[in-house]
Amino acid sequence: MKNLIVYAHPNSTSLNHYFKQIVMENLEKSGQEVIIRDLNALHFNPVLSLEDMNGQRVGEIADEVKREQDFISWADRIVFIYPIWWTGMPAIMKGYVDRVFSYGFAYRYDKGIQKGLLTGKQTIIINSHGKSNTEYESIGMDKALILTSDFGIFKYCGLEVQKHFYFDKADRASDENISEWTSQLQEMFQEKVVCD
């Protein structure tokens, strides 16, 4: 399986960086192909400009956007790894979605009906956040996150959401928490690929 990891966190000692390493190592161990797009390291420009918008309407896109779309086209599965900041994606990840998941590439409208164009591809989302899952559930934030990301972005574009991990209280995670999260990720990404 061809896996694209889209990662956003500026700190190379962060928990999210650790998650990226665990996922990458387990995919490589199981014989799968992996490409990592570290948005901060790439200095990806997250600003959707008027030029971008006008270009999308006529099928013209910036070279850096086309490069990212080519990686998505290549992948069977896209793994998004990023923290939840202010109950949403970091700006660089949101900007990646704004620019790369463009009209005509990730979705379109046929006679006024929306159609996702990334069908046949899977996605796994890995998020950390500071609040507890219990607190998110009590205020409905868990459902809001599912609506805005899983349905509002990923499924909207035709991706099959295999799993969405929410690792909570990440700013004060214990060794036991990290060990449990590591086990969950290893289990998710350790499948062996059988080649004919």
N, C-alpha and C. Protein backbone atom coordinates (compact mmCIF):
# COMPACT_ATOMS: atom_id res chain seq x y z
N MET A 1 0.84 -1.19 0.00
CA MET A 1 0.00 0.00 0.00
C MET A 1 0.88 1.25 0.00
N LYS A 2 0.44 2.26 -0.74
CA LYS A 2 1.17 3.52 -0.82
C LYS A 2 0.56 4.51 0.16
N ASN A 3 1.37 4.96 1.10
CA ASN A 3 0.91 5.83 2.18
C ASN A 3 1.55 7.21 2.09
N LEU A 4 0.70 8.22 2.16
CA LEU A 4 1.16 9.59 2.22
C LEU A 4 0.88 10.12 3.62
N ILE A 5 1.90 10.58 4.32
CA ILE A 5 1.72 11.20 5.63
C ILE A 5 1.81 12.71 5.45
N VAL A 6 0.73 13.40 5.81
CA VAL A 6 0.71 14.86 5.77
C VAL A 6 0.76 15.31 7.23
N TYR A 7 1.85 15.97 7.58
CA TYR A 7 2.17 16.25 8.98
C TYR A 7 2.33 17.74 9.22
N ALA A 8 1.78 18.22 10.33
CA ALA A 8 1.93 19.64 10.66
C ALA A 8 2.19 19.82 12.15
N HIS A 9 3.42 20.14 12.46
CA HIS A 9 3.80 20.60 13.80
C HIS A 9 5.20 21.18 13.69
N PRO A 10 5.43 22.39 14.21
CA PRO A 10 6.75 23.01 14.05
C PRO A 10 7.83 22.46 14.97
N ASN A 11 7.45 21.68 16.00
CA ASN A 11 8.40 21.24 17.02
C ASN A 11 8.82 19.79 16.79
N SER A 12 10.09 19.58 16.53
CA SER A 12 10.58 18.22 16.26
C SER A 12 10.68 17.37 17.52
N THR A 13 10.40 17.94 18.69
CA THR A 13 10.35 17.14 19.92
C THR A 13 8.91 16.98 20.41
N SER A 14 7.95 17.31 19.57
CA SER A 14 6.54 17.24 19.97
C SER A 14 6.01 15.81 19.97
N LEU A 15 4.90 15.63 20.63
CA LEU A 15 4.20 14.35 20.63
C LEU A 15 3.76 13.98 19.22
N ASN A 16 3.33 14.96 18.46
CA ASN A 16 2.89 14.70 17.08
C ASN A 16 4.06 14.20 16.23
N HIS A 17 5.25 14.76 16.44
CA HIS A 17 6.43 14.28 15.73
C HIS A 17 6.70 12.82 16.11
N TYR A 18 6.53 12.50 17.37
CA TYR A 18 6.69 11.12 17.83
C TYR A 18 5.67 10.21 17.12
N PHE A 19 4.41 10.65 17.03
CA PHE A 19 3.39 9.86 16.34
C PHE A 19 3.79 9.62 14.88
N LYS A 20 4.29 10.65 14.24
CA LYS A 20 4.73 10.53 12.84
C LYS A 20 5.81 9.45 12.70
N GLN A 21 6.77 9.46 13.63
CA GLN A 21 7.85 8.48 13.58
C GLN A 21 7.32 7.06 13.78
N ILE A 22 6.40 6.89 14.74
CA ILE A 22 5.82 5.57 15.00
C ILE A 22 5.09 5.04 13.76
N VAL A 23 4.28 5.91 13.15
CA VAL A 23 3.53 5.51 11.96
C VAL A 23 4.50 5.15 10.83
N MET A 24 5.46 6.00 10.57
CA MET A 24 6.42 5.76 9.49
C MET A 24 7.18 4.45 9.71
N GLU A 25 7.69 4.25 10.92
CA GLU A 25 8.46 3.03 11.20
C GLU A 25 7.63 1.78 11.02
N ASN A 26 6.38 1.80 11.48
CA ASN A 26 5.54 0.61 11.36
C ASN A 26 5.13 0.34 9.92
N LEU A 27 4.89 1.38 9.15
CA LEU A 27 4.57 1.18 7.73
C LEU A 27 5.77 0.61 6.99
N GLU A 28 6.94 1.14 7.27
CA GLU A 28 8.15 0.63 6.61
C GLU A 28 8.44 -0.81 7.00
N LYS A 29 8.24 -1.14 8.29
CA LYS A 29 8.46 -2.52 8.76
C LYS A 29 7.52 -3.50 8.07
N SER A 30 6.30 -3.05 7.76
CA SER A 30 5.33 -3.94 7.14
C SER A 30 5.46 -3.97 5.62
N GLY A 31 6.49 -3.31 5.10
CA GLY A 31 6.76 -3.39 3.66
C GLY A 31 5.95 -2.43 2.81
N GLN A 32 5.35 -1.44 3.42
CA GLN A 32 4.54 -0.49 2.67
C GLN A 32 5.37 0.73 2.25
N GLU A 33 4.92 1.37 1.19
CA GLU A 33 5.60 2.58 0.72
C GLU A 33 5.09 3.78 1.52
N VAL A 34 6.02 4.70 1.83
CA VAL A 34 5.67 5.87 2.63
C VAL A 34 6.35 7.11 2.07
N ILE A 35 5.57 8.17 1.93
CA ILE A 35 6.10 9.50 1.63
C ILE A 35 5.58 10.44 2.71
N ILE A 36 6.47 11.27 3.24
CA ILE A 36 6.08 12.22 4.28
C ILE A 36 6.16 13.64 3.73
N ARG A 37 5.09 14.39 3.96
CA ARG A 37 5.07 15.81 3.62
C ARG A 37 4.95 16.58 4.93
N ASP A 38 6.07 17.07 5.41
CA ASP A 38 6.15 17.84 6.65
C ASP A 38 5.93 19.30 6.26
N LEU A 39 4.72 19.80 6.48
CA LEU A 39 4.34 21.11 5.96
C LEU A 39 5.18 22.24 6.52
N ASN A 40 5.54 22.16 7.80
CA ASN A 40 6.37 23.21 8.39
C ASN A 40 7.78 23.17 7.81
N ALA A 41 8.36 21.99 7.68
CA ALA A 41 9.70 21.86 7.13
C ALA A 41 9.75 22.30 5.67
N LEU A 42 8.64 22.09 4.95
CA LEU A 42 8.56 22.49 3.55
C LEU A 42 8.28 23.98 3.38
N HIS A 43 7.96 24.65 4.49
CA HIS A 43 7.53 26.06 4.44
C HIS A 43 6.36 26.22 3.47
N PHE A 44 5.42 25.28 3.56
CA PHE A 44 4.26 25.32 2.67
C PHE A 44 3.48 26.62 2.90
N ASN A 45 3.17 27.30 1.82
CA ASN A 45 2.41 28.55 1.90
C ASN A 45 0.93 28.21 2.08
N PRO A 46 0.34 28.51 3.25
CA PRO A 46 -1.04 28.13 3.50
C PRO A 46 -2.09 29.13 3.02
N VAL A 47 -1.65 30.23 2.43
CA VAL A 47 -2.60 31.30 2.09
C VAL A 47 -3.22 31.06 0.72
N LEU A 48 -4.53 30.85 0.71
CA LEU A 48 -5.29 30.73 -0.54
C LEU A 48 -5.46 32.13 -1.10
N SER A 49 -4.78 32.41 -2.19
CA SER A 49 -4.78 33.76 -2.76
C SER A 49 -5.88 33.90 -3.81
N LEU A 50 -6.12 35.13 -4.20
CA LEU A 50 -7.06 35.39 -5.29
C LEU A 50 -6.57 34.73 -6.56
N GLU A 51 -5.26 34.73 -6.76
CA GLU A 51 -4.68 34.05 -7.93
C GLU A 51 -5.00 32.55 -7.90
N ASP A 52 -4.86 31.94 -6.71
CA ASP A 52 -5.23 30.52 -6.56
C ASP A 52 -6.70 30.30 -6.93
N MET A 53 -7.56 31.13 -6.37
CA MET A 53 -9.00 30.97 -6.58
C MET A 53 -9.37 31.12 -8.06
N ASN A 54 -8.82 32.14 -8.69
CA ASN A 54 -9.10 32.35 -10.11
C ASN A 54 -8.54 31.21 -10.95
N GLY A 55 -7.36 30.71 -10.58
CA GLY A 55 -6.76 29.59 -11.30
C GLY A 55 -7.58 28.32 -11.19
N GLN A 56 -8.10 28.04 -9.99
CA GLN A 56 -8.90 26.84 -9.78
C GLN A 56 -10.11 26.81 -10.73
N ARG A 57 -10.68 27.97 -10.97
CA ARG A 57 -11.88 28.05 -11.82
C ARG A 57 -11.61 27.61 -13.25
N VAL A 58 -10.36 27.78 -13.68
CA VAL A 58 -10.02 27.43 -15.07
C VAL A 58 -9.03 26.27 -15.14
N GLY A 59 -8.83 25.58 -14.00
CA GLY A 59 -7.97 24.40 -13.98
C GLY A 59 -6.48 24.70 -13.98
N GLU A 60 -6.11 25.92 -13.56
CA GLU A 60 -4.70 26.26 -13.47
C GLU A 60 -4.32 26.39 -12.01
N ILE A 61 -3.28 25.66 -11.61
CA ILE A 61 -2.88 25.67 -10.20
C ILE A 61 -1.38 25.91 -10.08
N ALA A 62 -0.99 26.44 -8.94
CA ALA A 62 0.43 26.72 -8.67
C ALA A 62 1.22 25.42 -8.65
N ASP A 63 2.50 25.51 -9.02
CA ASP A 63 3.36 24.33 -9.06
C ASP A 63 3.42 23.62 -7.72
N GLU A 64 3.52 24.38 -6.60
CA GLU A 64 3.61 23.73 -5.29
C GLU A 64 2.32 22.99 -4.94
N VAL A 65 1.19 23.49 -5.41
CA VAL A 65 -0.08 22.81 -5.17
C VAL A 65 -0.16 21.55 -6.03
N LYS A 66 0.25 21.66 -7.29
CA LYS A 66 0.24 20.50 -8.19
C LYS A 66 1.12 19.39 -7.63
N ARG A 67 2.26 19.75 -7.06
CA ARG A 67 3.17 18.75 -6.47
C ARG A 67 2.46 17.98 -5.35
N GLU A 68 1.74 18.71 -4.49
CA GLU A 68 1.03 18.05 -3.40
C GLU A 68 -0.13 17.20 -3.93
N GLN A 69 -0.81 17.67 -4.94
CA GLN A 69 -1.89 16.89 -5.54
C GLN A 69 -1.37 15.62 -6.18
N ASP A 70 -0.18 15.69 -6.76
CA ASP A 70 0.43 14.48 -7.35
C ASP A 70 0.71 13.44 -6.26
N PHE A 71 1.15 13.88 -5.08
CA PHE A 71 1.37 12.94 -3.98
C PHE A 71 0.04 12.30 -3.55
N ILE A 72 -1.00 13.09 -3.48
CA ILE A 72 -2.32 12.55 -3.11
C ILE A 72 -2.80 11.55 -4.16
N SER A 73 -2.62 11.88 -5.42
CA SER A 73 -3.02 10.97 -6.50
C SER A 73 -2.27 9.65 -6.41
N TRP A 74 -1.00 9.71 -6.03
CA TRP A 74 -0.16 8.52 -5.90
C TRP A 74 -0.63 7.62 -4.77
N ALA A 75 -1.11 8.20 -3.68
CA ALA A 75 -1.37 7.45 -2.44
C ALA A 75 -2.64 6.62 -2.49
N ASP A 76 -2.57 5.46 -1.82
CA ASP A 76 -3.78 4.67 -1.54
C ASP A 76 -4.42 5.14 -0.23
N ARG A 77 -3.55 5.59 0.68
CA ARG A 77 -4.03 6.03 2.00
C ARG A 77 -3.26 7.28 2.40
N ILE A 78 -4.01 8.25 2.96
CA ILE A 78 -3.42 9.50 3.42
C ILE A 78 -3.59 9.55 4.94
N VAL A 79 -2.47 9.75 5.63
CA VAL A 79 -2.48 9.84 7.08
C VAL A 79 -2.20 11.30 7.46
N PHE A 80 -3.16 11.92 8.12
CA PHE A 80 -3.00 13.31 8.57
C PHE A 80 -2.63 13.30 10.04
N ILE A 81 -1.55 13.97 10.39
CA ILE A 81 -1.10 14.05 11.78
C ILE A 81 -0.92 15.52 12.14
N TYR A 82 -1.72 15.98 13.11
CA TYR A 82 -1.63 17.38 13.52
C TYR A 82 -2.33 17.55 14.87
N PRO A 83 -1.94 18.57 15.63
CA PRO A 83 -2.62 18.85 16.89
C PRO A 83 -3.91 19.63 16.65
N ILE A 84 -4.83 19.53 17.60
CA ILE A 84 -6.01 20.40 17.60
C ILE A 84 -5.63 21.66 18.35
N TRP A 85 -5.67 22.79 17.65
CA TRP A 85 -5.39 24.09 18.26
C TRP A 85 -6.62 24.96 18.07
N TRP A 86 -7.10 25.55 19.15
CA TRP A 86 -8.31 26.39 19.08
C TRP A 86 -9.45 25.63 18.39
N THR A 87 -9.60 24.38 18.79
CA THR A 87 -10.64 23.47 18.29
C THR A 87 -10.63 23.29 16.77
N GLY A 88 -9.46 23.33 16.19
CA GLY A 88 -9.36 23.10 14.75
C GLY A 88 -7.94 22.77 14.34
N MET A 89 -7.74 22.74 13.04
CA MET A 89 -6.43 22.44 12.48
C MET A 89 -5.49 23.61 12.68
N PRO A 90 -4.18 23.35 12.80
CA PRO A 90 -3.22 24.45 12.72
C PRO A 90 -3.39 25.15 11.37
N ALA A 91 -3.07 26.44 11.32
CA ALA A 91 -3.29 27.23 10.11
C ALA A 91 -2.62 26.62 8.88
N ILE A 92 -1.43 26.06 9.05
CA ILE A 92 -0.72 25.52 7.89
C ILE A 92 -1.44 24.30 7.32
N MET A 93 -2.07 23.48 8.18
CA MET A 93 -2.84 22.33 7.69
C MET A 93 -4.14 22.78 7.03
N LYS A 94 -4.81 23.76 7.65
CA LYS A 94 -6.04 24.28 7.04
C LYS A 94 -5.74 24.90 5.69
N GLY A 95 -4.62 25.62 5.60
CA GLY A 95 -4.22 26.21 4.33
C GLY A 95 -3.87 25.16 3.28
N TYR A 96 -3.29 24.06 3.72
CA TYR A 96 -3.02 22.94 2.82
C TYR A 96 -4.33 22.44 2.23
N VAL A 97 -5.32 22.25 3.08
CA VAL A 97 -6.64 21.81 2.61
C VAL A 97 -7.23 22.85 1.65
N ASP A 98 -7.19 24.13 2.05
CA ASP A 98 -7.75 25.19 1.21
C ASP A 98 -7.15 25.19 -0.19
N ARG A 99 -5.84 25.01 -0.27
CA ARG A 99 -5.16 25.13 -1.56
C ARG A 99 -5.09 23.81 -2.34
N VAL A 100 -4.85 22.71 -1.64
CA VAL A 100 -4.59 21.44 -2.32
C VAL A 100 -5.88 20.68 -2.63
N PHE A 101 -6.86 20.74 -1.74
CA PHE A 101 -8.13 20.05 -1.99
C PHE A 101 -9.03 20.96 -2.83
N SER A 102 -8.55 21.32 -3.97
CA SER A 102 -9.20 22.33 -4.79
C SER A 102 -10.34 21.76 -5.63
N TYR A 103 -11.17 22.69 -6.08
CA TYR A 103 -12.28 22.33 -6.97
C TYR A 103 -11.69 21.74 -8.25
N GLY A 104 -12.28 20.63 -8.68
CA GLY A 104 -11.79 19.96 -9.88
C GLY A 104 -10.76 18.89 -9.59
N PHE A 105 -10.15 18.95 -8.40
CA PHE A 105 -9.22 17.90 -7.99
C PHE A 105 -9.83 17.04 -6.89
N ALA A 106 -10.29 17.65 -5.81
CA ALA A 106 -10.81 16.91 -4.66
C ALA A 106 -12.34 16.80 -4.68
N TYR A 107 -13.00 17.73 -5.35
CA TYR A 107 -14.46 17.71 -5.44
C TYR A 107 -14.90 18.54 -6.63
N ARG A 108 -16.15 18.36 -7.01
CA ARG A 108 -16.77 19.19 -8.04
C ARG A 108 -18.28 19.13 -7.85
N TYR A 109 -18.98 19.88 -8.65
CA TYR A 109 -20.44 19.86 -8.63
C TYR A 109 -20.94 19.41 -9.99
N ASP A 110 -21.79 18.40 -10.00
CA ASP A 110 -22.45 17.93 -11.22
C ASP A 110 -23.91 18.30 -11.13
N LYS A 111 -24.34 19.24 -11.97
CA LYS A 111 -25.73 19.71 -11.96
C LYS A 111 -26.15 20.13 -10.56
N GLY A 112 -25.24 20.84 -9.88
CA GLY A 112 -25.55 21.35 -8.55
C GLY A 112 -25.37 20.36 -7.42
N ILE A 113 -24.98 19.13 -7.73
CA ILE A 113 -24.79 18.10 -6.70
C ILE A 113 -23.30 17.87 -6.49
N GLN A 114 -22.88 17.99 -5.21
CA GLN A 114 -21.48 17.84 -4.86
C GLN A 114 -21.02 16.41 -5.07
N LYS A 115 -19.81 16.25 -5.60
CA LYS A 115 -19.22 14.93 -5.83
C LYS A 115 -17.78 14.94 -5.36
N GLY A 116 -17.44 14.03 -4.44
CA GLY A 116 -16.06 13.87 -4.00
C GLY A 116 -15.26 13.14 -5.07
N LEU A 117 -14.05 13.60 -5.32
CA LEU A 117 -13.23 13.02 -6.38
C LEU A 117 -12.07 12.17 -5.87
N LEU A 118 -11.95 12.04 -4.56
CA LEU A 118 -10.85 11.24 -4.00
C LEU A 118 -11.34 9.86 -3.55
N THR A 119 -12.40 9.38 -4.17
CA THR A 119 -12.95 8.07 -3.83
C THR A 119 -11.93 6.98 -4.13
N GLY A 120 -12.02 5.91 -3.35
CA GLY A 120 -11.09 4.80 -3.50
C GLY A 120 -9.84 4.96 -2.65
N LYS A 121 -9.72 6.10 -1.98
CA LYS A 121 -8.58 6.35 -1.10
C LYS A 121 -9.06 6.35 0.35
N GLN A 122 -8.19 5.86 1.22
CA GLN A 122 -8.49 5.83 2.65
C GLN A 122 -7.76 6.94 3.36
N THR A 123 -8.26 7.29 4.54
CA THR A 123 -7.54 8.23 5.37
C THR A 123 -7.62 7.84 6.83
N ILE A 124 -6.57 8.17 7.55
CA ILE A 124 -6.52 8.03 9.01
C ILE A 124 -6.07 9.38 9.53
N ILE A 125 -6.77 9.89 10.55
CA ILE A 125 -6.44 11.18 11.13
C ILE A 125 -5.96 10.95 12.55
N ILE A 126 -4.83 11.56 12.90
CA ILE A 126 -4.25 11.43 14.24
C ILE A 126 -4.13 12.84 14.83
N ASN A 127 -4.87 13.08 15.89
CA ASN A 127 -4.87 14.39 16.55
C ASN A 127 -4.50 14.27 18.01
N SER A 128 -3.81 15.26 18.51
CA SER A 128 -3.62 15.43 19.95
C SER A 128 -4.34 16.71 20.35
N HIS A 129 -4.77 16.77 21.59
CA HIS A 129 -5.38 18.01 22.10
C HIS A 129 -5.21 18.08 23.60
N GLY A 130 -5.30 19.28 24.14
CA GLY A 130 -5.05 19.49 25.57
C GLY A 130 -6.21 19.15 26.47
N LYS A 131 -7.43 19.34 26.00
CA LYS A 131 -8.61 19.03 26.81
C LYS A 131 -8.77 17.52 26.95
N SER A 132 -9.57 17.11 27.92
CA SER A 132 -9.88 15.69 28.04
C SER A 132 -10.99 15.33 27.06
N ASN A 133 -11.02 14.07 26.64
CA ASN A 133 -12.11 13.61 25.77
C ASN A 133 -13.45 13.77 26.47
N THR A 134 -13.47 13.56 27.78
CA THR A 134 -14.71 13.71 28.55
C THR A 134 -15.22 15.14 28.47
N GLU A 135 -14.32 16.10 28.60
CA GLU A 135 -14.73 17.51 28.51
C GLU A 135 -15.23 17.83 27.10
N TYR A 136 -14.55 17.35 26.09
CA TYR A 136 -15.02 17.57 24.71
C TYR A 136 -16.41 16.99 24.50
N GLU A 137 -16.63 15.77 25.02
CA GLU A 137 -17.94 15.14 24.87
C GLU A 137 -19.03 15.93 25.60
N SER A 138 -18.71 16.46 26.77
CA SER A 138 -19.72 17.17 27.57
C SER A 138 -20.21 18.45 26.90
N ILE A 139 -19.37 19.06 26.05
CA ILE A 139 -19.80 20.29 25.38
C ILE A 139 -20.10 20.07 23.89
N GLY A 140 -20.03 18.84 23.45
CA GLY A 140 -20.35 18.52 22.05
C GLY A 140 -19.21 18.78 21.08
N MET A 141 -18.03 19.09 21.61
CA MET A 141 -16.90 19.38 20.72
C MET A 141 -16.45 18.15 19.95
N ASP A 142 -16.62 16.96 20.53
CA ASP A 142 -16.26 15.73 19.82
C ASP A 142 -17.06 15.60 18.53
N LYS A 143 -18.36 15.87 18.63
CA LYS A 143 -19.22 15.79 17.44
C LYS A 143 -18.90 16.92 16.46
N ALA A 144 -18.59 18.10 16.99
CA ALA A 144 -18.24 19.22 16.12
C ALA A 144 -16.99 18.93 15.31
N LEU A 145 -15.99 18.33 15.94
CA LEU A 145 -14.75 18.01 15.23
C LEU A 145 -15.01 16.97 14.14
N ILE A 146 -15.85 15.99 14.44
CA ILE A 146 -16.18 14.97 13.44
C ILE A 146 -16.92 15.61 12.26
N LEU A 147 -17.85 16.51 12.55
CA LEU A 147 -18.60 17.17 11.48
C LEU A 147 -17.70 18.05 10.62
N THR A 148 -16.84 18.84 11.26
CA THR A 148 -16.04 19.80 10.50
C THR A 148 -14.87 19.16 9.76
N SER A 149 -14.30 18.09 10.29
CA SER A 149 -13.17 17.48 9.58
C SER A 149 -13.57 16.21 8.84
N ASP A 150 -14.06 15.22 9.55
CA ASP A 150 -14.38 13.94 8.90
C ASP A 150 -15.41 14.12 7.79
N PHE A 151 -16.53 14.79 8.11
CA PHE A 151 -17.59 14.96 7.12
C PHE A 151 -17.37 16.21 6.26
N GLY A 152 -16.98 17.30 6.89
CA GLY A 152 -16.87 18.57 6.18
C GLY A 152 -15.70 18.66 5.22
N ILE A 153 -14.68 17.83 5.43
CA ILE A 153 -13.51 17.86 4.54
C ILE A 153 -13.27 16.49 3.91
N PHE A 154 -12.94 15.51 4.73
CA PHE A 154 -12.43 14.25 4.20
C PHE A 154 -13.49 13.43 3.45
N LYS A 155 -14.61 13.16 4.08
CA LYS A 155 -15.67 12.41 3.39
C LYS A 155 -16.28 13.23 2.26
N TYR A 156 -16.35 14.53 2.45
CA TYR A 156 -16.86 15.44 1.43
C TYR A 156 -16.09 15.26 0.12
N CYS A 157 -14.80 15.02 0.25
CA CYS A 157 -13.94 14.85 -0.93
C CYS A 157 -13.85 13.39 -1.37
N GLY A 158 -14.60 12.51 -0.74
CA GLY A 158 -14.66 11.12 -1.18
C GLY A 158 -13.75 10.16 -0.45
N LEU A 159 -12.97 10.65 0.51
CA LEU A 159 -12.06 9.76 1.24
C LEU A 159 -12.84 8.87 2.20
N GLU A 160 -12.38 7.65 2.36
CA GLU A 160 -12.95 6.74 3.36
C GLU A 160 -12.16 6.90 4.66
N VAL A 161 -12.82 7.38 5.70
CA VAL A 161 -12.15 7.57 6.99
C VAL A 161 -12.07 6.22 7.69
N GLN A 162 -10.87 5.67 7.75
CA GLN A 162 -10.66 4.39 8.43
C GLN A 162 -10.71 4.54 9.94
N LYS A 163 -10.09 5.62 10.44
CA LYS A 163 -9.99 5.81 11.88
C LYS A 163 -9.61 7.26 12.14
N HIS A 164 -10.16 7.81 13.23
CA HIS A 164 -9.76 9.14 13.67
C HIS A 164 -9.37 9.02 15.14
N PHE A 165 -8.08 9.19 15.41
CA PHE A 165 -7.57 9.12 16.78
C PHE A 165 -7.61 10.50 17.41
N TYR A 166 -8.12 10.57 18.64
CA TYR A 166 -8.07 11.80 19.43
C TYR A 166 -7.30 11.48 20.71
N PHE A 167 -6.06 11.89 20.79
CA PHE A 167 -5.24 11.64 21.97
C PHE A 167 -5.32 12.88 22.88
N ASP A 168 -6.00 12.71 24.00
CA ASP A 168 -6.36 13.85 24.85
C ASP A 168 -5.36 14.13 25.96
N LYS A 169 -5.49 15.30 26.56
CA LYS A 169 -4.61 15.76 27.64
C LYS A 169 -3.14 15.60 27.24
N ALA A 170 -2.86 15.88 25.99
CA ALA A 170 -1.54 15.61 25.42
C ALA A 170 -0.45 16.47 26.03
N ASP A 171 -0.81 17.64 26.53
CA ASP A 171 0.19 18.53 27.12
C ASP A 171 0.66 18.05 28.49
N ARG A 172 -0.02 17.06 29.04
CA ARG A 172 0.37 16.49 30.32
C ARG A 172 0.29 14.96 30.29
N ALA A 173 0.63 14.40 29.15
CA ALA A 173 0.54 12.95 28.96
C ALA A 173 1.56 12.23 29.84
N SER A 174 1.10 11.16 30.44
CA SER A 174 1.99 10.32 31.26
C SER A 174 2.69 9.30 30.36
N ASP A 175 3.70 8.66 30.90
CA ASP A 175 4.37 7.58 30.17
C ASP A 175 3.38 6.48 29.82
N GLU A 176 2.44 6.24 30.74
CA GLU A 176 1.42 5.21 30.51
C GLU A 176 0.53 5.60 29.33
N ASN A 177 0.11 6.88 29.27
CA ASN A 177 -0.69 7.36 28.14
C ASN A 177 0.05 7.15 26.83
N ILE A 178 1.30 7.58 26.80
CA ILE A 178 2.08 7.50 25.56
C ILE A 178 2.28 6.06 25.14
N SER A 179 2.49 5.18 26.10
CA SER A 179 2.64 3.76 25.80
C SER A 179 1.35 3.19 25.20
N GLU A 180 0.21 3.58 25.75
CA GLU A 180 -1.08 3.12 25.23
C GLU A 180 -1.31 3.65 23.82
N TRP A 181 -1.02 4.92 23.59
CA TRP A 181 -1.21 5.51 22.26
C TRP A 181 -0.27 4.86 21.25
N THR A 182 0.95 4.58 21.68
CA THR A 182 1.91 3.91 20.80
C THR A 182 1.38 2.55 20.38
N SER A 183 0.83 1.81 21.33
CA SER A 183 0.26 0.48 21.02
C SER A 183 -0.88 0.59 20.02
N GLN A 184 -1.74 1.59 20.20
CA GLN A 184 -2.86 1.78 19.28
C GLN A 184 -2.37 2.06 17.86
N LEU A 185 -1.37 2.91 17.75
CA LEU A 185 -0.84 3.24 16.42
C LEU A 185 -0.10 2.06 15.81
N GLN A 186 0.65 1.34 16.61
CA GLN A 186 1.36 0.16 16.09
C GLN A 186 0.37 -0.87 15.57
N GLU A 187 -0.69 -1.07 16.30
CA GLU A 187 -1.71 -2.04 15.88
C GLU A 187 -2.36 -1.59 14.58
N MET A 188 -2.62 -0.31 14.46
CA MET A 188 -3.29 0.22 13.26
C MET A 188 -2.41 0.09 12.02
N PHE A 189 -1.10 0.26 12.19
CA PHE A 189 -0.21 0.36 11.03
C PHE A 189 0.73 -0.82 10.86
N GLN A 190 0.45 -1.95 11.49
CA GLN A 190 1.41 -3.05 11.38
C GLN A 190 1.00 -4.12 10.39
N GLU A 191 -0.12 -3.92 9.69
CA GLU A 191 -0.55 -4.97 8.77
C GLU A 191 0.52 -5.25 7.72
N LYS A 192 0.67 -6.51 7.44
CA LYS A 192 1.66 -6.93 6.44
C LYS A 192 1.01 -6.86 5.06
N VAL A 193 1.80 -6.45 4.08
CA VAL A 193 1.31 -6.39 2.70
C VAL A 193 1.79 -7.64 1.99
N VAL A 194 0.85 -8.40 1.43
CA VAL A 194 1.19 -9.62 0.71
C VAL A 194 1.38 -9.27 -0.75
N CYS A 195 2.55 -9.57 -1.27
CA CYS A 195 2.85 -9.29 -2.68
C CYS A 195 2.76 -10.58 -3.47
N ASP A 196 2.12 -10.53 -4.64
CA ASP A 196 2.01 -11.71 -5.50
C ASP A 196 3.28 -11.88 -6.33
